[in-house]
Amino acid sequence: MKGIFLALIATSLVAVPARAQGAKPSDIPTPEYGEGLAKGKPLCQLPPVPKAATGRAESLVGAGTIILPAGFIAEPQERPTSKRWMGDDSATFTVLVGPRAMGGMAHSGGGDVTFESAPPCVISVDGHHAVVERVKVVMQTDSIYLATIPVFVKPGKIVNASIEAPSAARRDELISRFAASSIAH
């Protein structure tokens, strides 16, 4: 995908309040904050992860583990709090552990582009409810499917997952695998 850089601003459902930018310890989002974001939202309708899922356990930057599908390989990252894997179908799964939720999604593309957002839904990751934001980016000859998922593990520790996939089915499979991951508390 070549072209201009497009930024999608995720809804305020996953954006941390502006006051958190210069946050005091009492302003840092907590698991209760994440639960509040999830309250009243429907559960995500996702495919089950096969019991004998192929792949291998990968560390989520010291925040737990996930079983990624066979064919995913780790890519070098500059930040020690970030990990990214790419699948043989160009799907990517990225994890960033930090004190705040990611505020948006980004993708590069060109030409006429439209965005189709799905309503937010909720998954449970190792007992923590997390709001899933999904977007379909429609370009002239292709579409890409994105998702962001912040998990508020404890004050100052948010496990942010982002997914980019060539199909909604692949994106939703990776969301299911993330829901089945373990998160270190």
C-alpha atoms as a PDB file:
ATOM      1  CA  MET A   1       0.000   0.000   0.000  1.00  0.00           C
ATOM      2  CA  LYS A   2       1.706   3.148  -1.187  1.00  0.00           C
ATOM      3  CA  GLY A   3       0.523   6.687  -0.860  1.00  0.00           C
ATOM      4  CA  ILE A   4      -0.339   9.266   1.677  1.00  0.00           C
ATOM      5  CA  PHE A   5      -0.436   8.639   5.396  1.00  0.00           C
ATOM      6  CA  LEU A   6      -3.958   8.452   6.785  1.00  0.00           C
ATOM      7  CA  ALA A   7      -4.772   8.690  10.454  1.00  0.00           C
ATOM      8  CA  LEU A   8      -7.999   7.444  11.898  1.00  0.00           C
ATOM      9  CA  ILE A   9      -8.921   8.908  15.213  1.00  0.00           C
ATOM     10  CA  ALA A  10     -10.580   6.250  17.317  1.00  0.00           C
ATOM     11  CA  THR A  11     -13.695   7.258  19.122  1.00  0.00           C
ATOM     12  CA  SER A  12     -13.511   8.833  22.541  1.00  0.00           C
ATOM     13  CA  LEU A  13     -14.440   5.425  23.942  1.00  0.00           C
ATOM     14  CA  VAL A  14     -10.778   4.417  23.930  1.00  0.00           C
ATOM     15  CA  ALA A  15      -9.156   7.822  24.178  1.00  0.00           C
ATOM     16  CA  VAL A  16      -7.794   8.690  27.593  1.00  0.00           C
ATOM     17  CA  PRO A  17      -9.091  12.014  28.912  1.00  0.00           C
ATOM     18  CA  ALA A  18      -6.956  15.021  27.931  1.00  0.00           C
ATOM     19  CA  ARG A  19      -6.122  15.692  31.558  1.00  0.00           C
ATOM     20  CA  ALA A  20      -4.200  12.393  31.603  1.00  0.00           C
ATOM     21  CA  GLN A  21      -1.573  13.845  29.270  1.00  0.00           C
ATOM     22  CA  GLY A  22       0.027  15.648  32.245  1.00  0.00           C
ATOM     23  CA  ALA A  23      -1.389  13.119  34.654  1.00  0.00           C
ATOM     24  CA  LYS A  24      -0.948  12.973  38.390  1.00  0.00           C
ATOM     25  CA  PRO A  25      -0.883   9.466  39.875  1.00  0.00           C
ATOM     26  CA  SER A  26      -4.557   9.786  40.802  1.00  0.00           C
ATOM     27  CA  ASP A  27      -5.422  10.593  37.132  1.00  0.00           C
ATOM     28  CA  ILE A  28      -3.836   7.469  35.633  1.00  0.00           C
ATOM     29  CA  PRO A  29      -6.534   5.210  34.132  1.00  0.00           C
ATOM     30  CA  THR A  30      -7.312   2.152  36.229  1.00  0.00           C
ATOM     31  CA  PRO A  31      -8.950  -1.202  35.526  1.00  0.00           C
ATOM     32  CA  GLU A  32     -12.153   0.346  36.888  1.00  0.00           C
ATOM     33  CA  TYR A  33     -11.883   3.035  34.199  1.00  0.00           C
ATOM     34  CA  GLY A  34     -11.629   0.309  31.549  1.00  0.00           C
ATOM     35  CA  GLU A  35     -14.624  -1.508  33.043  1.00  0.00           C
ATOM     36  CA  GLY A  36     -16.583   1.759  32.865  1.00  0.00           C
ATOM     37  CA  LEU A  37     -15.782   2.086  29.153  1.00  0.00           C
ATOM     38  CA  ALA A  38     -17.007  -1.465  28.547  1.00  0.00           C
ATOM     39  CA  LYS A  39     -20.227  -1.122  30.547  1.00  0.00           C
ATOM     40  CA  GLY A  40     -23.355  -1.435  28.429  1.00  0.00           C
ATOM     41  CA  LYS A  41     -21.552  -2.415  25.236  1.00  0.00           C
ATOM     42  CA  PRO A  42     -22.374  -5.743  23.561  1.00  0.00           C
ATOM     43  CA  LEU A  43     -19.979  -8.672  23.539  1.00  0.00           C
ATOM     44  CA  CYS A  44     -18.048  -9.022  20.306  1.00  0.00           C
ATOM     45  CA  GLN A  45     -19.307 -11.776  18.025  1.00  0.00           C
ATOM     46  CA  LEU A  46     -16.060 -13.575  17.222  1.00  0.00           C
ATOM     47  CA  PRO A  47     -15.040 -17.019  15.999  1.00  0.00           C
ATOM     48  CA  PRO A  48     -13.816 -19.397  18.688  1.00  0.00           C
ATOM     49  CA  VAL A  49     -10.101 -20.106  18.863  1.00  0.00           C
ATOM     50  CA  PRO A  50      -9.625 -23.787  17.987  1.00  0.00           C
ATOM     51  CA  LYS A  51      -8.718 -25.904  21.020  1.00  0.00           C
ATOM     52  CA  ALA A  52      -5.700 -27.249  19.137  1.00  0.00           C
ATOM     53  CA  ALA A  53      -4.738 -23.842  17.750  1.00  0.00           C
ATOM     54  CA  THR A  54      -1.513 -24.058  15.849  1.00  0.00           C
ATOM     55  CA  GLY A  55       1.206 -21.560  16.486  1.00  0.00           C
ATOM     56  CA  ARG A  56       3.482 -20.768  19.363  1.00  0.00           C
ATOM     57  CA  ALA A  57       3.289 -18.799  22.569  1.00  0.00           C
ATOM     58  CA  GLU A  58       4.696 -15.304  22.206  1.00  0.00           C
ATOM     59  CA  SER A  59       5.500 -12.892  25.033  1.00  0.00           C
ATOM     60  CA  LEU A  60       3.391  -9.725  25.155  1.00  0.00           C
ATOM     61  CA  VAL A  61       6.321  -7.487  26.196  1.00  0.00           C
ATOM     62  CA  GLY A  62       6.407  -8.946  29.692  1.00  0.00           C
ATOM     63  CA  ALA A  63       2.637  -8.461  30.029  1.00  0.00           C
ATOM     64  CA  GLY A  64       1.597 -12.056  29.365  1.00  0.00           C
ATOM     65  CA  THR A  65       1.457 -14.448  26.416  1.00  0.00           C
ATOM     66  CA  ILE A  66      -0.579 -15.072  23.275  1.00  0.00           C
ATOM     67  CA  ILE A  67      -0.702 -18.038  20.903  1.00  0.00           C
ATOM     68  CA  LEU A  68      -0.230 -16.531  17.444  1.00  0.00           C
ATOM     69  CA  PRO A  69      -1.034 -18.530  14.297  1.00  0.00           C
ATOM     70  CA  ALA A  70       1.710 -20.422  12.502  1.00  0.00           C
ATOM     71  CA  GLY A  71       3.483 -18.196  10.006  1.00  0.00           C
ATOM     72  CA  PHE A  72       3.712 -15.098  12.234  1.00  0.00           C
ATOM     73  CA  ILE A  73       7.223 -13.770  12.758  1.00  0.00           C
ATOM     74  CA  ALA A  74       8.456 -11.039  15.100  1.00  0.00           C
ATOM     75  CA  GLU A  75       9.619  -7.769  13.584  1.00  0.00           C
ATOM     76  CA  PRO A  76      12.280  -5.594  15.221  1.00  0.00           C
ATOM     77  CA  GLN A  77      10.914  -2.703  17.281  1.00  0.00           C
ATOM     78  CA  GLU A  78      12.686   0.392  18.588  1.00  0.00           C
ATOM     79  CA  ARG A  79      10.727   0.556  21.848  1.00  0.00           C
ATOM     80  CA  PRO A  80      11.345  -2.126  24.453  1.00  0.00           C
ATOM     81  CA  THR A  81       7.654  -1.854  25.443  1.00  0.00           C
ATOM     82  CA  SER A  82       6.435  -2.738  21.937  1.00  0.00           C
ATOM     83  CA  LYS A  83       6.253  -5.963  19.931  1.00  0.00           C
ATOM     84  CA  ARG A  84       4.969  -6.563  16.419  1.00  0.00           C
ATOM     85  CA  TRP A  85       4.416  -9.757  14.490  1.00  0.00           C
ATOM     86  CA  MET A  86       3.621 -10.150  10.787  1.00  0.00           C
ATOM     87  CA  GLY A  87       1.789 -13.095   9.264  1.00  0.00           C
ATOM     88  CA  ASP A  88       2.466 -14.682   5.905  1.00  0.00           C
ATOM     89  CA  ASP A  89      -0.734 -12.982   4.639  1.00  0.00           C
ATOM     90  CA  SER A  90       0.558  -9.510   5.702  1.00  0.00           C
ATOM     91  CA  ALA A  91      -1.684  -9.425   8.784  1.00  0.00           C
ATOM     92  CA  THR A  92       0.030  -7.684  11.696  1.00  0.00           C
ATOM     93  CA  PHE A  93      -0.491  -7.928  15.437  1.00  0.00           C
ATOM     94  CA  THR A  94       1.143  -5.206  17.557  1.00  0.00           C
ATOM     95  CA  VAL A  95       1.300  -4.813  21.321  1.00  0.00           C
ATOM     96  CA  LEU A  96       2.385  -1.679  23.140  1.00  0.00           C
ATOM     97  CA  VAL A  97       2.485  -1.672  26.937  1.00  0.00           C
ATOM     98  CA  GLY A  98       2.326   1.755  28.516  1.00  0.00           C
ATOM     99  CA  PRO A  99       0.597   4.064  30.983  1.00  0.00           C
ATOM    100  CA  ARG A 100      -2.099   5.224  28.510  1.00  0.00           C
ATOM    101  CA  ALA A 101      -4.448   3.820  25.904  1.00  0.00           C
ATOM    102  CA  MET A 102      -3.604   4.342  22.250  1.00  0.00           C
ATOM    103  CA  GLY A 103      -5.701   7.200  20.904  1.00  0.00           C
ATOM    104  CA  GLY A 104      -6.198   6.076  17.322  1.00  0.00           C
ATOM    105  CA  MET A 105      -5.337   3.900  14.385  1.00  0.00           C
ATOM    106  CA  ALA A 106      -3.086   4.651  11.439  1.00  0.00           C
ATOM    107  CA  HIS A 107      -2.745   3.167   7.997  1.00  0.00           C
ATOM    108  CA  SER A 108      -1.036   4.232   4.795  1.00  0.00           C
ATOM    109  CA  GLY A 109      -2.976   4.115   1.545  1.00  0.00           C
ATOM    110  CA  GLY A 110      -3.751   6.210  -1.471  1.00  0.00           C
ATOM    111  CA  GLY A 111      -6.509   7.355  -3.782  1.00  0.00           C
ATOM    112  CA  ASP A 112     -10.159   7.400  -2.851  1.00  0.00           C
ATOM    113  CA  VAL A 113     -10.482   5.991   0.638  1.00  0.00           C
ATOM    114  CA  THR A 114     -13.559   5.432   2.796  1.00  0.00           C
ATOM    115  CA  PHE A 115     -13.822   4.222   6.353  1.00  0.00           C
ATOM    116  CA  GLU A 116     -16.524   1.953   7.746  1.00  0.00           C
ATOM    117  CA  SER A 117     -16.583   1.723  11.538  1.00  0.00           C
ATOM    118  CA  ALA A 118     -18.285  -1.129  13.328  1.00  0.00           C
ATOM    119  CA  PRO A 119     -20.017  -0.368  16.625  1.00  0.00           C
ATOM    120  CA  PRO A 120     -17.673  -0.868  19.586  1.00  0.00           C
ATOM    121  CA  CYS A 121     -17.954  -4.203  21.334  1.00  0.00           C
ATOM    122  CA  VAL A 122     -16.365  -5.882  24.355  1.00  0.00           C
ATOM    123  CA  ILE A 123     -14.057  -8.844  24.890  1.00  0.00           C
ATOM    124  CA  SER A 124     -12.666 -10.270  28.105  1.00  0.00           C
ATOM    125  CA  VAL A 125      -8.895 -10.712  28.251  1.00  0.00           C
ATOM    126  CA  ASP A 126      -7.814 -12.742  31.280  1.00  0.00           C
ATOM    127  CA  GLY A 127     -10.688 -11.301  33.346  1.00  0.00           C
ATOM    128  CA  HIS A 128     -10.356  -7.699  32.114  1.00  0.00           C
ATOM    129  CA  HIS A 129     -13.124  -6.275  29.914  1.00  0.00           C
ATOM    130  CA  ALA A 130     -11.794  -4.335  26.940  1.00  0.00           C
ATOM    131  CA  VAL A 131     -13.539  -2.260  24.284  1.00  0.00           C
ATOM    132  CA  VAL A 132     -12.737  -3.289  20.709  1.00  0.00           C
ATOM    133  CA  GLU A 133     -12.817  -0.644  17.981  1.00  0.00           C
ATOM    134  CA  ARG A 134     -12.958  -2.033  14.421  1.00  0.00           C
ATOM    135  CA  VAL A 135     -12.625  -0.155  11.133  1.00  0.00           C
ATOM    136  CA  LYS A 136     -12.690  -1.260   7.507  1.00  0.00           C
ATOM    137  CA  VAL A 137     -10.566   0.948   5.242  1.00  0.00           C
ATOM    138  CA  VAL A 138     -11.857   0.714   1.670  1.00  0.00           C
ATOM    139  CA  MET A 139      -9.450   1.801  -1.070  1.00  0.00           C
ATOM    140  CA  GLN A 140      -9.804   1.719  -4.858  1.00  0.00           C
ATOM    141  CA  THR A 141      -8.569  -1.833  -5.325  1.00  0.00           C
ATOM    142  CA  ASP A 142      -8.300  -3.205  -1.800  1.00  0.00           C
ATOM    143  CA  SER A 143      -9.654  -3.124   1.734  1.00  0.00           C
ATOM    144  CA  ILE A 144      -7.842  -3.463   5.038  1.00  0.00           C
ATOM    145  CA  TYR A 145      -9.383  -4.319   8.406  1.00  0.00           C
ATOM    146  CA  LEU A 146      -8.102  -2.658  11.577  1.00  0.00           C
ATOM    147  CA  ALA A 147      -8.778  -3.025  15.294  1.00  0.00           C
ATOM    148  CA  THR A 148      -7.536  -1.439  18.516  1.00  0.00           C
ATOM    149  CA  ILE A 149      -7.971  -2.988  21.945  1.00  0.00           C
ATOM    150  CA  PRO A 150      -6.720  -1.332  25.166  1.00  0.00           C
ATOM    151  CA  VAL A 151      -6.702  -3.554  28.259  1.00  0.00           C
ATOM    152  CA  PHE A 152      -6.495  -1.597  31.519  1.00  0.00           C
ATOM    153  CA  VAL A 153      -4.517  -4.109  33.592  1.00  0.00           C
ATOM    154  CA  LYS A 154      -3.573  -1.924  36.559  1.00  0.00           C
ATOM    155  CA  PRO A 155      -2.925   1.786  37.147  1.00  0.00           C
ATOM    156  CA  GLY A 156      -0.131   2.808  34.785  1.00  0.00           C
ATOM    157  CA  LYS A 157      -0.156  -0.487  32.852  1.00  0.00           C
ATOM    158  CA  ILE A 158      -2.308  -0.691  29.740  1.00  0.00           C
ATOM    159  CA  VAL A 159      -1.755  -3.455  27.212  1.00  0.00           C
ATOM    160  CA  ASN A 160      -2.681  -1.922  23.852  1.00  0.00           C
ATOM    161  CA  ALA A 161      -3.215  -4.345  20.973  1.00  0.00           C
ATOM    162  CA  SER A 162      -3.658  -3.283  17.368  1.00  0.00           C
ATOM    163  CA  ILE A 163      -4.447  -5.491  14.409  1.00  0.00           C
ATOM    164  CA  GLU A 164      -4.239  -4.941  10.657  1.00  0.00           C
ATOM    165  CA  ALA A 165      -5.550  -7.748   8.456  1.00  0.00           C
ATOM    166  CA  PRO A 166      -6.482  -8.421   4.832  1.00  0.00           C
ATOM    167  CA  SER A 167      -9.973  -9.674   5.797  1.00  0.00           C
ATOM    168  CA  ALA A 168     -12.537  -9.235   8.546  1.00  0.00           C
ATOM    169  CA  ALA A 169     -12.283 -12.961   9.291  1.00  0.00           C
ATOM    170  CA  ARG A 170      -8.499 -12.780   9.863  1.00  0.00           C
ATOM    171  CA  ARG A 171      -8.859  -9.619  12.006  1.00  0.00           C
ATOM    172  CA  ASP A 172     -11.558 -11.275  14.110  1.00  0.00           C
ATOM    173  CA  GLU A 173      -9.477 -14.455  14.475  1.00  0.00           C
ATOM    174  CA  LEU A 174      -6.622 -12.346  15.889  1.00  0.00           C
ATOM    175  CA  ILE A 175      -9.043 -10.534  18.224  1.00  0.00           C
ATOM    176  CA  SER A 176     -10.226 -13.977  19.459  1.00  0.00           C
ATOM    177  CA  ARG A 177      -6.650 -15.087  20.027  1.00  0.00           C
ATOM    178  CA  PHE A 178      -5.940 -11.886  21.977  1.00  0.00           C
ATOM    179  CA  ALA A 179      -9.072 -12.504  24.082  1.00  0.00           C
ATOM    180  CA  ALA A 180      -7.672 -15.979  24.869  1.00  0.00           C
ATOM    181  CA  SER A 181      -4.252 -14.615  25.903  1.00  0.00           C
ATOM    182  CA  SER A 182      -2.938 -14.369  29.423  1.00  0.00           C
ATOM    183  CA  ILE A 183      -2.162 -10.982  30.929  1.00  0.00           C
ATOM    184  CA  ALA A 184       0.347 -10.625  33.763  1.00  0.00           C
ATOM    185  CA  HIS A 185      -1.255  -8.726  36.650  1.00  0.00           C
END
